[in-house]
Structures are given as C-alpha cells and as structure tokens.
Amino acid sequence: MNMDSHDKYKPISLISSFSVAVIGIMTAIKNERNMRFHLITALIVLVVSIYFSITKMEWLFILLAIGGMFALELINTAIERVVDLVTKEYHPLAKQAKDIAAGAVFIYAILSVIIGMVIFLPYILKRF
C-alpha cells in the first residue's frame, strides 16, 4: 500500500480493512510452509470432528485451538518479516526475536495437540 504522507492517517472503509486482512492471510498461506501445514491439519481436524459428532463444548475448544494457531502463526510471520526488513545481517537480538516468536507458536501447537488428544482419544478408543 503506497500512501503519501498526507494520506497515511485517512481512515479506510471496513470492507477495505477486511480485504487487507484477507490478503495478509492469503499471502501467509502462499508463502509460509508452516501456515499451509496448519491449514491442512485444521481441515483434517474439522473432518474428524464432523465424523465423530463432537459436542458443542468440544467444538469450541477445537475452534479456539485452530483459530489461535492461525493467529499466532500470522504474528510469528509478521515478526520474521519485520526483523528481516530491519536487518539482513546476523544479529543476536534479531535471532532472539525470531526464536521467541517461534517458541510461542510451538507452545500453542503442543497445547493444540493435547486438546486434540483429550477430545478425540475417547472417541477413537470407543471405536476399538
């Protein structure tokens, strides 16, 4: 988005705001392997959730896990981009910023797997 200095504080419409957000999500899906992995995993989890007819409360946890994972991955990607924009050279603080953001995603991914196990293991065990 190329803005002149006098335009940078102009409010944008709600539709334009949504459009920019969708473009950001699509850019991350197109360019980030981990984002594509999360998308495929989310689709599998949604299909499995429908198959097992999980409860409304279980759906809430699944949707929060999926939405949180996407949101954190987008934030992580944004942090990586900003760090890369600021410096192309190795800097310990740049590495720490990237590593810490990746750590946040990793913690949430572990939590999401635990949520999935708590919800799906009883359904899977019932089938056998």
C-alpha atoms as a PDB file:
ATOM      1  CA  MET A   1       0.000   0.000   0.000  1.00  0.00           C
ATOM      2  CA  ASN A   2       1.731   3.143  -1.176  1.00  0.00           C
ATOM      3  CA  MET A   3       0.488   6.183   0.730  1.00  0.00           C
ATOM      4  CA  ASP A   4       1.554   9.782   0.582  1.00  0.00           C
ATOM      5  CA  SER A   5       2.326  11.341   3.952  1.00  0.00           C
ATOM      6  CA  HIS A   6      -0.967  13.256   3.977  1.00  0.00           C
ATOM      7  CA  ASP A   7      -2.955  10.051   3.287  1.00  0.00           C
ATOM      8  CA  LYS A   8      -1.435   7.835   5.972  1.00  0.00           C
ATOM      9  CA  TYR A   9      -3.965   8.819   8.646  1.00  0.00           C
ATOM     10  CA  LYS A  10      -7.042   8.619   6.450  1.00  0.00           C
ATOM     11  CA  PRO A  11      -9.469   6.022   7.783  1.00  0.00           C
ATOM     12  CA  ILE A  12     -10.123   3.128   5.427  1.00  0.00           C
ATOM     13  CA  SER A  13     -13.510   1.546   4.967  1.00  0.00           C
ATOM     14  CA  LEU A  14     -14.494  -1.577   6.859  1.00  0.00           C
ATOM     15  CA  ILE A  15     -14.574  -3.577   3.627  1.00  0.00           C
ATOM     16  CA  SER A  16     -11.084  -2.337   2.716  1.00  0.00           C
ATOM     17  CA  SER A  17      -9.890  -3.315   6.185  1.00  0.00           C
ATOM     18  CA  PHE A  18     -11.265  -6.851   5.767  1.00  0.00           C
ATOM     19  CA  SER A  19      -9.782  -7.040   2.290  1.00  0.00           C
ATOM     20  CA  VAL A  20      -6.318  -6.145   3.569  1.00  0.00           C
ATOM     21  CA  ALA A  21      -6.625  -8.785   6.316  1.00  0.00           C
ATOM     22  CA  VAL A  22      -7.654 -11.487   3.820  1.00  0.00           C
ATOM     23  CA  ILE A  23      -4.757 -10.523   1.550  1.00  0.00           C
ATOM     24  CA  GLY A  24      -2.413 -10.917   4.529  1.00  0.00           C
ATOM     25  CA  ILE A  25      -3.798 -14.371   5.343  1.00  0.00           C
ATOM     26  CA  MET A  26      -3.579 -15.489   1.717  1.00  0.00           C
ATOM     27  CA  THR A  27      -0.004 -14.169   1.469  1.00  0.00           C
ATOM     28  CA  ALA A  28       0.985 -16.197   4.525  1.00  0.00           C
ATOM     29  CA  ILE A  29      -0.689 -19.353   3.180  1.00  0.00           C
ATOM     30  CA  LYS A  30       1.007 -18.907  -0.190  1.00  0.00           C
ATOM     31  CA  ASN A  31       4.488 -18.147   1.175  1.00  0.00           C
ATOM     32  CA  GLU A  32       4.736 -19.970   4.503  1.00  0.00           C
ATOM     33  CA  ARG A  33       5.130 -23.751   4.662  1.00  0.00           C
ATOM     34  CA  ASN A  34       4.060 -23.866   8.323  1.00  0.00           C
ATOM     35  CA  MET A  35       0.878 -21.940   7.539  1.00  0.00           C
ATOM     36  CA  ARG A  36      -0.021 -24.485   4.852  1.00  0.00           C
ATOM     37  CA  PHE A  37       0.700 -27.295   7.323  1.00  0.00           C
ATOM     38  CA  HIS A  38      -1.638 -25.685   9.884  1.00  0.00           C
ATOM     39  CA  LEU A  39      -4.321 -25.242   7.208  1.00  0.00           C
ATOM     40  CA  ILE A  40      -4.178 -28.895   6.112  1.00  0.00           C
ATOM     41  CA  THR A  41      -4.104 -30.071   9.723  1.00  0.00           C
ATOM     42  CA  ALA A  42      -7.091 -27.850  10.552  1.00  0.00           C
ATOM     43  CA  LEU A  43      -9.086 -29.266   7.642  1.00  0.00           C
ATOM     44  CA  ILE A  44      -8.329 -32.827   8.791  1.00  0.00           C
ATOM     45  CA  VAL A  45      -9.335 -31.962  12.362  1.00  0.00           C
ATOM     46  CA  LEU A  46     -12.594 -30.401  11.140  1.00  0.00           C
ATOM     47  CA  VAL A  47     -13.444 -33.516   9.098  1.00  0.00           C
ATOM     48  CA  VAL A  48     -12.646 -35.775  12.069  1.00  0.00           C
ATOM     49  CA  SER A  49     -14.749 -33.529  14.335  1.00  0.00           C
ATOM     50  CA  ILE A  50     -17.725 -33.877  11.998  1.00  0.00           C
ATOM     51  CA  TYR A  51     -17.171 -37.646  11.703  1.00  0.00           C
ATOM     52  CA  PHE A  52     -17.230 -38.134  15.493  1.00  0.00           C
ATOM     53  CA  SER A  53     -20.089 -35.636  16.006  1.00  0.00           C
ATOM     54  CA  ILE A  54     -18.241 -33.913  18.829  1.00  0.00           C
ATOM     55  CA  THR A  55     -20.172 -31.862  21.388  1.00  0.00           C
ATOM     56  CA  LYS A  56     -20.677 -28.097  21.224  1.00  0.00           C
ATOM     57  CA  MET A  57     -18.181 -27.592  24.048  1.00  0.00           C
ATOM     58  CA  GLU A  58     -15.612 -29.730  22.211  1.00  0.00           C
ATOM     59  CA  TRP A  59     -16.233 -27.693  19.052  1.00  0.00           C
ATOM     60  CA  LEU A  60     -15.416 -24.529  20.993  1.00  0.00           C
ATOM     61  CA  PHE A  61     -12.065 -25.932  22.102  1.00  0.00           C
ATOM     62  CA  ILE A  62     -11.252 -27.193  18.604  1.00  0.00           C
ATOM     63  CA  LEU A  63     -12.141 -23.843  17.009  1.00  0.00           C
ATOM     64  CA  LEU A  64     -10.134 -21.921  19.617  1.00  0.00           C
ATOM     65  CA  ALA A  65      -7.146 -24.192  19.037  1.00  0.00           C
ATOM     66  CA  ILE A  66      -7.371 -23.766  15.250  1.00  0.00           C
ATOM     67  CA  GLY A  67      -8.028 -20.013  15.331  1.00  0.00           C
ATOM     68  CA  GLY A  68      -5.322 -19.423  17.920  1.00  0.00           C
ATOM     69  CA  MET A  69      -2.821 -21.427  15.899  1.00  0.00           C
ATOM     70  CA  PHE A  70      -3.529 -19.408  12.755  1.00  0.00           C
ATOM     71  CA  ALA A  71      -3.373 -16.107  14.647  1.00  0.00           C
ATOM     72  CA  LEU A  72      -0.064 -16.960  16.322  1.00  0.00           C
ATOM     73  CA  GLU A  73       1.468 -18.196  13.082  1.00  0.00           C
ATOM     74  CA  LEU A  74       0.454 -14.931  11.388  1.00  0.00           C
ATOM     75  CA  ILE A  75       2.024 -12.905  14.216  1.00  0.00           C
ATOM     76  CA  ASN A  76       5.172 -15.037  14.038  1.00  0.00           C
ATOM     77  CA  THR A  77       5.385 -14.482  10.284  1.00  0.00           C
ATOM     78  CA  ALA A  78       4.897 -10.722  10.712  1.00  0.00           C
ATOM     79  CA  ILE A  79       7.678 -10.598  13.314  1.00  0.00           C
ATOM     80  CA  GLU A  80      10.005 -12.523  10.993  1.00  0.00           C
ATOM     81  CA  ARG A  81       9.240 -10.129   8.126  1.00  0.00           C
ATOM     82  CA  VAL A  82       9.845  -7.023  10.237  1.00  0.00           C
ATOM     83  CA  VAL A  83      13.124  -8.409  11.590  1.00  0.00           C
ATOM     84  CA  ASP A  84      14.249  -9.268   8.041  1.00  0.00           C
ATOM     85  CA  LEU A  85      13.269  -5.772   6.902  1.00  0.00           C
ATOM     86  CA  VAL A  86      15.315  -4.135   9.656  1.00  0.00           C
ATOM     87  CA  THR A  87      18.475  -6.186   9.163  1.00  0.00           C
ATOM     88  CA  LYS A  88      19.740  -8.702   6.641  1.00  0.00           C
ATOM     89  CA  GLU A  89      22.886  -9.274   8.690  1.00  0.00           C
ATOM     90  CA  TYR A  90      23.065 -11.665  11.619  1.00  0.00           C
ATOM     91  CA  HIS A  91      22.303 -10.003  14.920  1.00  0.00           C
ATOM     92  CA  PRO A  92      21.753 -11.856  18.205  1.00  0.00           C
ATOM     93  CA  LEU A  93      18.673  -9.769  19.060  1.00  0.00           C
ATOM     94  CA  ALA A  94      17.137 -10.415  15.640  1.00  0.00           C
ATOM     95  CA  LYS A  95      17.679 -14.149  16.164  1.00  0.00           C
ATOM     96  CA  GLN A  96      16.169 -13.951  19.649  1.00  0.00           C
ATOM     97  CA  ALA A  97      13.091 -12.114  18.360  1.00  0.00           C
ATOM     98  CA  LYS A  98      12.514 -14.778  15.703  1.00  0.00           C
ATOM     99  CA  ASP A  99      13.235 -17.662  18.089  1.00  0.00           C
ATOM    100  CA  ILE A 100      10.942 -16.302  20.794  1.00  0.00           C
ATOM    101  CA  ALA A 101       8.074 -15.800  18.329  1.00  0.00           C
ATOM    102  CA  ALA A 102       8.604 -19.338  17.019  1.00  0.00           C
ATOM    103  CA  GLY A 103       8.620 -20.573  20.618  1.00  0.00           C
ATOM    104  CA  ALA A 104       5.190 -19.053  21.204  1.00  0.00           C
ATOM    105  CA  VAL A 105       3.848 -20.901  18.156  1.00  0.00           C
ATOM    106  CA  PHE A 106       5.468 -24.138  19.350  1.00  0.00           C
ATOM    107  CA  ILE A 107       3.891 -23.882  22.823  1.00  0.00           C
ATOM    108  CA  TYR A 108       0.457 -23.295  21.301  1.00  0.00           C
ATOM    109  CA  ALA A 109       0.961 -26.177  18.872  1.00  0.00           C
ATOM    110  CA  ILE A 110       1.731 -28.515  21.796  1.00  0.00           C
ATOM    111  CA  LEU A 111      -1.360 -27.240  23.617  1.00  0.00           C
ATOM    112  CA  SER A 112      -3.454 -27.803  20.478  1.00  0.00           C
ATOM    113  CA  VAL A 113      -2.217 -31.392  20.174  1.00  0.00           C
ATOM    114  CA  ILE A 114      -3.088 -32.010  23.834  1.00  0.00           C
ATOM    115  CA  ILE A 115      -6.571 -30.552  23.277  1.00  0.00           C
ATOM    116  CA  GLY A 116      -6.989 -32.836  20.258  1.00  0.00           C
ATOM    117  CA  MET A 117      -5.886 -35.879  22.236  1.00  0.00           C
ATOM    118  CA  VAL A 118      -8.219 -35.108  25.139  1.00  0.00           C
ATOM    119  CA  ILE A 119     -11.154 -34.682  22.765  1.00  0.00           C
ATOM    120  CA  PHE A 120     -10.502 -37.407  20.178  1.00  0.00           C
ATOM    121  CA  LEU A 121      -8.890 -40.263  22.128  1.00  0.00           C
ATOM    122  CA  PRO A 122     -12.147 -41.269  23.873  1.00  0.00           C
ATOM    123  CA  TYR A 123     -13.954 -41.332  20.504  1.00  0.00           C
ATOM    124  CA  ILE A 124     -11.153 -43.355  18.918  1.00  0.00           C
ATOM    125  CA  LEU A 125     -10.992 -45.799  21.830  1.00  0.00           C
ATOM    126  CA  LYS A 126     -14.774 -46.337  21.653  1.00  0.00           C
ATOM    127  CA  ARG A 127     -14.384 -47.483  18.033  1.00  0.00           C
ATOM    128  CA  PHE A 128     -11.966 -50.287  19.009  1.00  0.00           C
END
